[in-house]
Amino acid sequence: MNSEDLGNLLLVNTVREKALKTKAIYHPNLINNLSKEAYD
C-alpha cells in the first residue's frame, strides 16, 4: 500500500463520516441501512 492509496482511504473515511453525521441528524435509520449494506 503506497501513500496515495492511504490518502484516498483517509479521504473516503472522512467523507463517509461527515455524510453519516449529516444523515444521522435528519434520518437515524439511514445509518442502520448503510451499516447493513456495508456488512452484506
PDB file of N, CA and C in Angstrom:
ATOM      1  N   MET A   1       0.856  -1.206   0.000  1.00  0.00           N
ATOM      2  CA  MET A   1       0.000   0.000   0.000  1.00  0.00           C
ATOM      3  C   MET A   1       0.882   1.243   0.000  1.00  0.00           C
ATOM      4  N   ASN A   2       0.701   2.086  -0.985  1.00  0.00           N
ATOM      5  CA  ASN A   2       1.519   3.298  -1.034  1.00  0.00           C
ATOM      6  C   ASN A   2       0.786   4.477  -0.397  1.00  0.00           C
ATOM      7  N   SER A   3       1.479   5.590  -0.305  1.00  0.00           N
ATOM      8  CA  SER A   3       0.910   6.756   0.392  1.00  0.00           C
ATOM      9  C   SER A   3      -0.313   7.308  -0.325  1.00  0.00           C
ATOM     10  N   GLU A   4      -0.362   7.147  -1.636  1.00  0.00           N
ATOM     11  CA  GLU A   4      -1.518   7.660  -2.384  1.00  0.00           C
ATOM     12  C   GLU A   4      -2.774   6.863  -2.030  1.00  0.00           C
ATOM     13  N   ASP A   5      -2.617   5.538  -1.942  1.00  0.00           N
ATOM     14  CA  ASP A   5      -3.748   4.693  -1.548  1.00  0.00           C
ATOM     15  C   ASP A   5      -4.217   5.068  -0.153  1.00  0.00           C
ATOM     16  N   LEU A   6      -3.256   5.273   0.738  1.00  0.00           N
ATOM     17  CA  LEU A   6      -3.588   5.617   2.115  1.00  0.00           C
ATOM     18  C   LEU A   6      -4.338   6.940   2.166  1.00  0.00           C
ATOM     19  N   GLY A   7      -3.892   7.906   1.397  1.00  0.00           N
ATOM     20  CA  GLY A   7      -4.557   9.206   1.358  1.00  0.00           C
ATOM     21  C   GLY A   7      -5.981   9.086   0.857  1.00  0.00           C
ATOM     22  N   ASN A   8      -6.181   8.288  -0.182  1.00  0.00           N
ATOM     23  CA  ASN A   8      -7.524   8.095  -0.717  1.00  0.00           C
ATOM     24  C   ASN A   8      -8.419   7.419   0.306  1.00  0.00           C
ATOM     25  N   LEU A   9      -7.867   6.448   1.024  1.00  0.00           N
ATOM     26  CA  LEU A   9      -8.638   5.744   2.039  1.00  0.00           C
ATOM     27  C   LEU A   9      -9.071   6.702   3.136  1.00  0.00           C
ATOM     28  N   LEU A  10      -8.151   7.541   3.592  1.00  0.00           N
ATOM     29  CA  LEU A  10      -8.476   8.511   4.640  1.00  0.00           C
ATOM     30  C   LEU A  10      -9.539   9.479   4.157  1.00  0.00           C
ATOM     31  N   LEU A  11      -9.429   9.904   2.912  1.00  0.00           N
ATOM     32  CA  LEU A  11     -10.396  10.842   2.350  1.00  0.00           C
ATOM     33  C   LEU A  11     -11.781  10.210   2.303  1.00  0.00           C
ATOM     34  N   VAL A  12     -11.847   8.974   1.843  1.00  0.00           N
ATOM     35  CA  VAL A  12     -13.133   8.270   1.769  1.00  0.00           C
ATOM     36  C   VAL A  12     -13.741   8.143   3.158  1.00  0.00           C
ATOM     37  N   ASN A  13     -12.918   7.778   4.140  1.00  0.00           N
ATOM     38  CA  ASN A  13     -13.429   7.628   5.503  1.00  0.00           C
ATOM     39  C   ASN A  13     -13.924   8.949   6.057  1.00  0.00           C
ATOM     40  N   THR A  14     -13.210  10.028   5.783  1.00  0.00           N
ATOM     41  CA  THR A  14     -13.613  11.348   6.262  1.00  0.00           C
ATOM     42  C   THR A  14     -14.941  11.755   5.658  1.00  0.00           C
ATOM     43  N   VAL A  15     -15.061  11.567   4.352  1.00  0.00           N
ATOM     44  CA  VAL A  15     -16.305  11.926   3.662  1.00  0.00           C
ATOM     45  C   VAL A  15     -17.456  11.081   4.185  1.00  0.00           C
ATOM     46  N   ARG A  16     -17.188   9.789   4.387  1.00  0.00           N
ATOM     47  CA  ARG A  16     -18.233   8.885   4.868  1.00  0.00           C
ATOM     48  C   ARG A  16     -18.696   9.300   6.263  1.00  0.00           C
ATOM     49  N   GLU A  17     -17.744   9.632   7.140  1.00  0.00           N
ATOM     50  CA  GLU A  17     -18.110  10.050   8.494  1.00  0.00           C
ATOM     51  C   GLU A  17     -18.955  11.312   8.463  1.00  0.00           C
ATOM     52  N   LYS A  18     -18.577  12.276   7.649  1.00  0.00           N
ATOM     53  CA  LYS A  18     -19.346  13.520   7.548  1.00  0.00           C
ATOM     54  C   LYS A  18     -20.747  13.232   7.032  1.00  0.00           C
ATOM     55  N   ALA A  19     -20.839  12.360   6.039  1.00  0.00           N
ATOM     56  CA  ALA A  19     -22.142  12.016   5.466  1.00  0.00           C
ATOM     57  C   ALA A  19     -23.009  11.323   6.508  1.00  0.00           C
ATOM     58  N   LEU A  20     -22.416  10.415   7.265  1.00  0.00           N
ATOM     59  CA  LEU A  20     -23.182   9.695   8.279  1.00  0.00           C
ATOM     60  C   LEU A  20     -23.664  10.643   9.368  1.00  0.00           C
ATOM     61  N   LYS A  21     -22.805  11.567   9.787  1.00  0.00           N
ATOM     62  CA  LYS A  21     -23.209  12.529  10.816  1.00  0.00           C
ATOM     63  C   LYS A  21     -24.347  13.396  10.313  1.00  0.00           C
ATOM     64  N   THR A  22     -24.251  13.835   9.074  1.00  0.00           N
ATOM     65  CA  THR A  22     -25.299  14.674   8.493  1.00  0.00           C
ATOM     66  C   THR A  22     -26.605  13.902   8.400  1.00  0.00           C
ATOM     67  N   LYS A  23     -26.536  12.668   7.923  1.00  0.00           N
ATOM     68  CA  LYS A  23     -27.741  11.856   7.777  1.00  0.00           C
ATOM     69  C   LYS A  23     -28.332  11.508   9.134  1.00  0.00           C
ATOM     70  N   ALA A  24     -27.476  11.311  10.139  1.00  0.00           N
ATOM     71  CA  ALA A  24     -27.961  10.956  11.468  1.00  0.00           C
ATOM     72  C   ALA A  24     -28.859  12.051  12.018  1.00  0.00           C
ATOM     73  N   ILE A  25     -28.546  13.287  11.674  1.00  0.00           N
ATOM     74  CA  ILE A  25     -29.345  14.414  12.149  1.00  0.00           C
ATOM     75  C   ILE A  25     -30.737  14.352  11.538  1.00  0.00           C
ATOM     76  N   TYR A  26     -30.804  13.995  10.264  1.00  0.00           N
ATOM     77  CA  TYR A  26     -32.076  14.029   9.547  1.00  0.00           C
ATOM     78  C   TYR A  26     -32.834  12.711   9.606  1.00  0.00           C
ATOM     79  N   HIS A  27     -32.105  11.589   9.580  1.00  0.00           N
ATOM     80  CA  HIS A  27     -32.774  10.302   9.451  1.00  0.00           C
ATOM     81  C   HIS A  27     -31.899   9.190  10.044  1.00  0.00           C
ATOM     82  N   PRO A  28     -32.014   8.946  11.336  1.00  0.00           N
ATOM     83  CA  PRO A  28     -31.156   7.964  12.020  1.00  0.00           C
ATOM     84  C   PRO A  28     -31.188   6.578  11.377  1.00  0.00           C
ATOM     85  N   ASN A  29     -32.319   6.192  10.791  1.00  0.00           N
ATOM     86  CA  ASN A  29     -32.416   4.850  10.210  1.00  0.00           C
ATOM     87  C   ASN A  29     -31.486   4.654   9.024  1.00  0.00           C
ATOM     88  N   LEU A  30     -31.093   5.754   8.375  1.00  0.00           N
ATOM     89  CA  LEU A  30     -30.195   5.622   7.230  1.00  0.00           C
ATOM     90  C   LEU A  30     -28.863   5.009   7.641  1.00  0.00           C
ATOM     91  N   ILE A  31     -28.390   5.331   8.835  1.00  0.00           N
ATOM     92  CA  ILE A  31     -27.118   4.775   9.294  1.00  0.00           C
ATOM     93  C   ILE A  31     -27.243   3.271   9.448  1.00  0.00           C
ATOM     94  N   ASN A  32     -28.360   2.816  10.014  1.00  0.00           N
ATOM     95  CA  ASN A  32     -28.558   1.380  10.159  1.00  0.00           C
ATOM     96  C   ASN A  32     -28.560   0.704   8.799  1.00  0.00           C
ATOM     97  N   ASN A  33     -29.222   1.314   7.835  1.00  0.00           N
ATOM     98  CA  ASN A  33     -29.276   0.743   6.493  1.00  0.00           C
ATOM     99  C   ASN A  33     -27.889   0.710   5.858  1.00  0.00           C
ATOM    100  N   LEU A  34     -27.123   1.784   6.026  1.00  0.00           N
ATOM    101  CA  LEU A  34     -25.776   1.831   5.459  1.00  0.00           C
ATOM    102  C   LEU A  34     -24.885   0.781   6.112  1.00  0.00           C
ATOM    103  N   SER A  35     -25.038   0.604   7.423  1.00  0.00           N
ATOM    104  CA  SER A  35     -24.234  -0.384   8.133  1.00  0.00           C
ATOM    105  C   SER A  35     -24.549  -1.787   7.626  1.00  0.00           C
ATOM    106  N   LYS A  36     -25.837  -2.063   7.422  1.00  0.00           N
ATOM    107  CA  LYS A  36     -26.220  -3.383   6.914  1.00  0.00           C
ATOM    108  C   LYS A  36     -25.622  -3.613   5.534  1.00  0.00           C
ATOM    109  N   GLU A  37     -25.680  -2.596   4.676  1.00  0.00           N
ATOM    110  CA  GLU A  37     -25.128  -2.731   3.329  1.00  0.00           C
ATOM    111  C   GLU A  37     -23.623  -2.990   3.387  1.00  0.00           C
ATOM    112  N   ALA A  38     -22.961  -2.345   4.315  1.00  0.00           N
ATOM    113  CA  ALA A  38     -21.513  -2.490   4.423  1.00  0.00           C
ATOM    114  C   ALA A  38     -21.129  -3.920   4.793  1.00  0.00           C
ATOM    115  N   TYR A  39     -21.976  -4.587   5.561  1.00  0.00           N
ATOM    116  CA  TYR A  39     -21.649  -5.942   6.008  1.00  0.00           C
ATOM    117  C   TYR A  39     -22.160  -7.019   5.066  1.00  0.00           C
ATOM    118  N   ASP A  40     -23.017  -6.657   4.137  1.00  0.00           N
ATOM    119  CA  ASP A  40     -23.557  -7.657   3.197  1.00  0.00           C
ATOM    120  C   ASP A  40     -22.486  -8.117   2.213  1.00  0.00           C
TER     121      ASP A  40
END
